[in-house]
C-alpha atoms as a PDB file:
ATOM      1  CA  MET A   1     -42.423   9.120 103.813  1.00  0.00           C
ATOM      2  CA  SER A   2     -42.777  11.258 106.654  1.00  0.00           C
ATOM      3  CA  ASP A   3     -41.925  14.838 106.923  1.00  0.00           C
ATOM      4  CA  SER A   4     -40.127  16.360 110.114  1.00  0.00           C
ATOM      5  CA  ASN A   5     -43.379  16.657 111.811  1.00  0.00           C
ATOM      6  CA  GLY A   6     -44.269  12.695 111.385  1.00  0.00           C
ATOM      7  CA  THR A   7     -47.121  13.321 108.681  1.00  0.00           C
ATOM      8  CA  THR A   8     -47.268  11.062 105.817  1.00  0.00           C
ATOM      9  CA  ALA A   9     -48.449  11.973 102.239  1.00  0.00           C
ATOM     10  CA  ALA A  10     -51.819  10.876 103.233  1.00  0.00           C
ATOM     11  CA  ASP A  11     -52.145  13.097 106.286  1.00  0.00           C
ATOM     12  CA  THR A  12     -50.925  16.034 103.872  1.00  0.00           C
ATOM     13  CA  THR A  13     -53.545  15.838 101.216  1.00  0.00           C
ATOM     14  CA  THR A  14     -55.341  19.100 101.321  1.00  0.00           C
ATOM     15  CA  THR A  15     -58.976  19.857 101.934  1.00  0.00           C
ATOM     16  CA  ASP A  16     -61.100  22.558  99.739  1.00  0.00           C
ATOM     17  CA  THR A  17     -60.040  25.111 102.398  1.00  0.00           C
ATOM     18  CA  GLY A  18     -56.261  24.168 102.123  1.00  0.00           C
ATOM     19  CA  THR A  19     -55.925  22.347 105.284  1.00  0.00           C
ATOM     20  CA  THR A  20     -54.626  18.909 105.993  1.00  0.00           C
ATOM     21  CA  ALA A  21     -56.649  15.942 107.673  1.00  0.00           C
ATOM     22  CA  VAL A  22     -54.236  16.575 110.784  1.00  0.00           C
ATOM     23  CA  GLU A  23     -54.441  20.447 110.638  1.00  0.00           C
ATOM     24  CA  THR A  24     -58.321  19.855 110.577  1.00  0.00           C
ATOM     25  CA  LEU A  25     -58.453  17.662 113.503  1.00  0.00           C
ATOM     26  CA  GLN A  26     -55.875  19.624 115.497  1.00  0.00           C
ATOM     27  CA  GLN A  27     -58.135  22.758 115.009  1.00  0.00           C
ATOM     28  CA  GLY A  28     -61.315  20.708 116.061  1.00  0.00           C
ATOM     29  CA  LEU A  29     -59.247  19.655 119.074  1.00  0.00           C
ATOM     30  CA  VAL A  30     -58.651  23.265 120.095  1.00  0.00           C
ATOM     31  CA  GLY A  31     -62.181  24.041 119.598  1.00  0.00           C
ATOM     32  CA  GLN A  32     -63.454  21.007 121.657  1.00  0.00           C
ATOM     33  CA  LEU A  33     -60.874  22.061 124.293  1.00  0.00           C
ATOM     34  CA  MET A  34     -62.261  25.624 124.575  1.00  0.00           C
ATOM     35  CA  ALA A  35     -65.834  23.999 124.678  1.00  0.00           C
ATOM     36  CA  VAL A  36     -64.898  22.099 127.958  1.00  0.00           C
ATOM     37  CA  ILE A  37     -63.229  25.008 129.333  1.00  0.00           C
ATOM     38  CA  GLY A  38     -66.476  26.849 128.805  1.00  0.00           C
ATOM     39  CA  ALA A  39     -68.580  23.801 130.077  1.00  0.00           C
ATOM     40  CA  PRO A  40     -66.522  21.563 132.411  1.00  0.00           C
ATOM     41  CA  ASP A  41     -69.614  19.720 133.706  1.00  0.00           C
ATOM     42  CA  ASP A  42     -71.145  18.808 130.575  1.00  0.00           C
ATOM     43  CA  LYS A  43     -70.340  15.250 129.369  1.00  0.00           C
ATOM     44  CA  ASP A  44     -71.420  15.475 125.769  1.00  0.00           C
ATOM     45  CA  VAL A  45     -68.901  18.347 125.203  1.00  0.00           C
ATOM     46  CA  ALA A  46     -66.205  16.015 127.164  1.00  0.00           C
ATOM     47  CA  ARG A  47     -67.404  13.155 124.871  1.00  0.00           C
ATOM     48  CA  ALA A  48     -66.867  15.025 121.841  1.00  0.00           C
ATOM     49  CA  ALA A  49     -63.671  16.085 122.723  1.00  0.00           C
ATOM     50  CA  ASP A  50     -62.426  12.603 123.665  1.00  0.00           C
ATOM     51  CA  ASP A  51     -63.572  11.504 120.193  1.00  0.00           C
ATOM     52  CA  ILE A  52     -61.515  14.335 118.383  1.00  0.00           C
ATOM     53  CA  VAL A  53     -58.357  13.022 120.851  1.00  0.00           C
ATOM     54  CA  GLN A  54     -59.094   9.427 119.933  1.00  0.00           C
ATOM     55  CA  GLN A  55     -59.331  10.277 116.035  1.00  0.00           C
ATOM     56  CA  LEU A  56     -55.851  12.479 116.200  1.00  0.00           C
ATOM     57  CA  ASP A  57     -54.022   9.727 117.990  1.00  0.00           C
ATOM     58  CA  ALA A  58     -55.032   7.366 115.465  1.00  0.00           C
ATOM     59  CA  ARG A  59     -54.010   9.433 112.639  1.00  0.00           C
ATOM     60  CA  LEU A  60     -50.678  10.458 114.313  1.00  0.00           C
ATOM     61  CA  ARG A  61     -50.079   6.802 115.431  1.00  0.00           C
ATOM     62  CA  ALA A  62     -50.986   5.402 111.836  1.00  0.00           C
ATOM     63  CA  ALA A  63     -48.387   8.010 110.527  1.00  0.00           C
ATOM     64  CA  GLY A  64     -45.484   7.241 112.925  1.00  0.00           C
ATOM     65  CA  SER A  65     -46.042   3.506 111.892  1.00  0.00           C
ATOM     66  CA  ALA A  66     -45.612   4.276 108.437  1.00  0.00           C
ATOM     67  CA  ALA A  67     -42.638   6.391 108.957  1.00  0.00           C
ATOM     68  CA  ALA A  68     -40.973   3.340 110.770  1.00  0.00           C
END
């Protein structure tokens, strides 16, 4: 079952800090995008940001498939 944001029960499992897996990835993405802005020519920073985008995309696609 999904909520209005397209998240499933697996996505809403909270961590010790009270955040969900999707929220944790979203927060990580914001941090990585800030790092890209700060170091636009750093390939390692870009790869790290891409890794988070891929993880978040996979998580949201899985949530969308589960909701369908």
